[in-house]
Amino acid sequence: MDSKVGYRGFIRKAGIMLVIIIANLLDLLTGAEFLFRSMAVLFYIGLESLSIIENLGHIGVPLPQQIKKYLKQLSEEGKDKNNE
């Protein structure tokens, strides 16, 4: 394993936890029940799920055509934004 990649991953996960902690504090300060925290957690669940599905496609797991099309579209949009 590459230690730089592991370090980046650790920092990323720590950042996610920090965002969730801040969202929880916002819930406590505003008196909202699970509003900000739920939004943050669901966002990261969706993001990680998308990453898992993408990685499954890379290792050769058969995916439905609609999902492949959606992943290709997201990939192309990301490349377009990086080139701007």
C-alpha atoms as a PDB file:
ATOM      1  CA  MET A   1       0.000   0.000   0.000  1.00  0.00           C
ATOM      2  CA  ASP A   2       1.100   3.516  -0.739  1.00  0.00           C
ATOM      3  CA  SER A   3       1.350   5.551   2.462  1.00  0.00           C
ATOM      4  CA  LYS A   4       0.465   8.804   0.668  1.00  0.00           C
ATOM      5  CA  VAL A   5      -2.763   7.300  -0.651  1.00  0.00           C
ATOM      6  CA  GLY A   6      -3.598   5.942   2.793  1.00  0.00           C
ATOM      7  CA  TYR A   7      -2.877   9.303   4.393  1.00  0.00           C
ATOM      8  CA  ARG A   8      -5.102  11.116   1.880  1.00  0.00           C
ATOM      9  CA  GLY A   9      -7.872   8.601   2.542  1.00  0.00           C
ATOM     10  CA  PHE A  10      -7.537   9.088   6.286  1.00  0.00           C
ATOM     11  CA  ILE A  11      -7.671  12.882   5.953  1.00  0.00           C
ATOM     12  CA  ARG A  12     -10.727  12.572   3.701  1.00  0.00           C
ATOM     13  CA  LYS A  13     -12.560  10.346   6.196  1.00  0.00           C
ATOM     14  CA  ALA A  14     -11.614  12.684   9.052  1.00  0.00           C
ATOM     15  CA  GLY A  15     -13.041  15.582   7.040  1.00  0.00           C
ATOM     16  CA  ILE A  16     -16.283  13.681   6.515  1.00  0.00           C
ATOM     17  CA  MET A  17     -16.536  13.029  10.243  1.00  0.00           C
ATOM     18  CA  LEU A  18     -15.869  16.715  10.943  1.00  0.00           C
ATOM     19  CA  VAL A  19     -18.677  17.765   8.588  1.00  0.00           C
ATOM     20  CA  ILE A  20     -21.081  15.340  10.291  1.00  0.00           C
ATOM     21  CA  ILE A  21     -20.059  16.617  13.745  1.00  0.00           C
ATOM     22  CA  ILE A  22     -20.635  20.224  12.634  1.00  0.00           C
ATOM     23  CA  ALA A  23     -23.997  19.260  11.101  1.00  0.00           C
ATOM     24  CA  ASN A  24     -24.972  17.615  14.390  1.00  0.00           C
ATOM     25  CA  LEU A  25     -23.994  20.768  16.289  1.00  0.00           C
ATOM     26  CA  LEU A  26     -26.135  22.818  13.884  1.00  0.00           C
ATOM     27  CA  ASP A  27     -29.059  20.516  14.666  1.00  0.00           C
ATOM     28  CA  LEU A  28     -28.505  21.075  18.376  1.00  0.00           C
ATOM     29  CA  LEU A  29     -28.187  24.855  18.000  1.00  0.00           C
ATOM     30  CA  THR A  30     -31.254  25.261  15.788  1.00  0.00           C
ATOM     31  CA  GLY A  31     -33.387  22.727  17.629  1.00  0.00           C
ATOM     32  CA  ALA A  32     -33.977  20.821  14.407  1.00  0.00           C
ATOM     33  CA  GLU A  33     -34.278  17.096  14.828  1.00  0.00           C
ATOM     34  CA  PHE A  34     -31.767  15.380  12.540  1.00  0.00           C
ATOM     35  CA  LEU A  35     -32.114  17.882   9.689  1.00  0.00           C
ATOM     36  CA  PHE A  36     -28.532  18.935   8.998  1.00  0.00           C
ATOM     37  CA  ARG A  37     -26.978  15.718  10.263  1.00  0.00           C
ATOM     38  CA  SER A  38     -29.304  13.583   8.157  1.00  0.00           C
ATOM     39  CA  MET A  39     -28.585  15.641   5.051  1.00  0.00           C
ATOM     40  CA  ALA A  40     -24.834  15.315   5.584  1.00  0.00           C
ATOM     41  CA  VAL A  41     -24.967  11.588   6.306  1.00  0.00           C
ATOM     42  CA  LEU A  42     -27.248  10.855   3.342  1.00  0.00           C
ATOM     43  CA  PHE A  43     -25.018  12.916   1.054  1.00  0.00           C
ATOM     44  CA  TYR A  44     -21.942  10.916   2.057  1.00  0.00           C
ATOM     45  CA  ILE A  45     -23.822   7.610   1.845  1.00  0.00           C
ATOM     46  CA  GLY A  46     -24.797   8.501  -1.718  1.00  0.00           C
ATOM     47  CA  LEU A  47     -21.274   9.591  -2.590  1.00  0.00           C
ATOM     48  CA  GLU A  48     -19.678   6.428  -1.186  1.00  0.00           C
ATOM     49  CA  SER A  49     -22.339   4.225  -2.811  1.00  0.00           C
ATOM     50  CA  LEU A  50     -21.636   5.804  -6.178  1.00  0.00           C
ATOM     51  CA  SER A  51     -17.916   5.197  -5.662  1.00  0.00           C
ATOM     52  CA  ILE A  52     -18.522   1.539  -4.769  1.00  0.00           C
ATOM     53  CA  ILE A  53     -20.692   1.000  -7.852  1.00  0.00           C
ATOM     54  CA  GLU A  54     -18.074   2.667 -10.038  1.00  0.00           C
ATOM     55  CA  ASN A  55     -15.328   0.465  -8.597  1.00  0.00           C
ATOM     56  CA  LEU A  56     -17.452  -2.657  -9.133  1.00  0.00           C
ATOM     57  CA  GLY A  57     -17.713  -1.690 -12.803  1.00  0.00           C
ATOM     58  CA  HIS A  58     -13.931  -1.252 -13.012  1.00  0.00           C
ATOM     59  CA  ILE A  59     -13.262  -4.753 -11.684  1.00  0.00           C
ATOM     60  CA  GLY A  60     -15.645  -6.338 -14.167  1.00  0.00           C
ATOM     61  CA  VAL A  61     -18.834  -6.910 -12.186  1.00  0.00           C
ATOM     62  CA  PRO A  62     -21.729  -6.790 -14.665  1.00  0.00           C
ATOM     63  CA  LEU A  63     -23.840  -3.672 -14.147  1.00  0.00           C
ATOM     64  CA  PRO A  64     -27.184  -2.753 -15.729  1.00  0.00           C
ATOM     65  CA  GLN A  65     -26.842  -0.695 -18.905  1.00  0.00           C
ATOM     66  CA  GLN A  66     -28.623   2.308 -17.349  1.00  0.00           C
ATOM     67  CA  ILE A  67     -26.094   2.481 -14.509  1.00  0.00           C
ATOM     68  CA  LYS A  68     -23.180   2.177 -16.955  1.00  0.00           C
ATOM     69  CA  LYS A  69     -24.640   5.001 -19.035  1.00  0.00           C
ATOM     70  CA  TYR A  70     -25.084   7.201 -15.940  1.00  0.00           C
ATOM     71  CA  LEU A  71     -21.530   6.517 -14.705  1.00  0.00           C
ATOM     72  CA  LYS A  72     -20.110   7.317 -18.147  1.00  0.00           C
ATOM     73  CA  GLN A  73     -22.068  10.582 -18.207  1.00  0.00           C
ATOM     74  CA  LEU A  74     -20.760  11.563 -14.757  1.00  0.00           C
ATOM     75  CA  SER A  75     -17.216  10.701 -15.784  1.00  0.00           C
ATOM     76  CA  GLU A  76     -17.439  12.831 -18.926  1.00  0.00           C
ATOM     77  CA  GLU A  77     -18.871  15.783 -16.968  1.00  0.00           C
ATOM     78  CA  GLY A  78     -15.996  15.531 -14.486  1.00  0.00           C
ATOM     79  CA  LYS A  79     -13.447  15.532 -17.302  1.00  0.00           C
ATOM     80  CA  ASP A  80     -15.097  18.572 -18.911  1.00  0.00           C
ATOM     81  CA  LYS A  81     -14.971  20.535 -15.650  1.00  0.00           C
ATOM     82  CA  ASN A  82     -11.306  19.626 -15.084  1.00  0.00           C
ATOM     83  CA  ASN A  83     -10.375  20.933 -18.535  1.00  0.00           C
ATOM     84  CA  GLU A  84     -11.973  24.379 -17.971  1.00  0.00           C
END
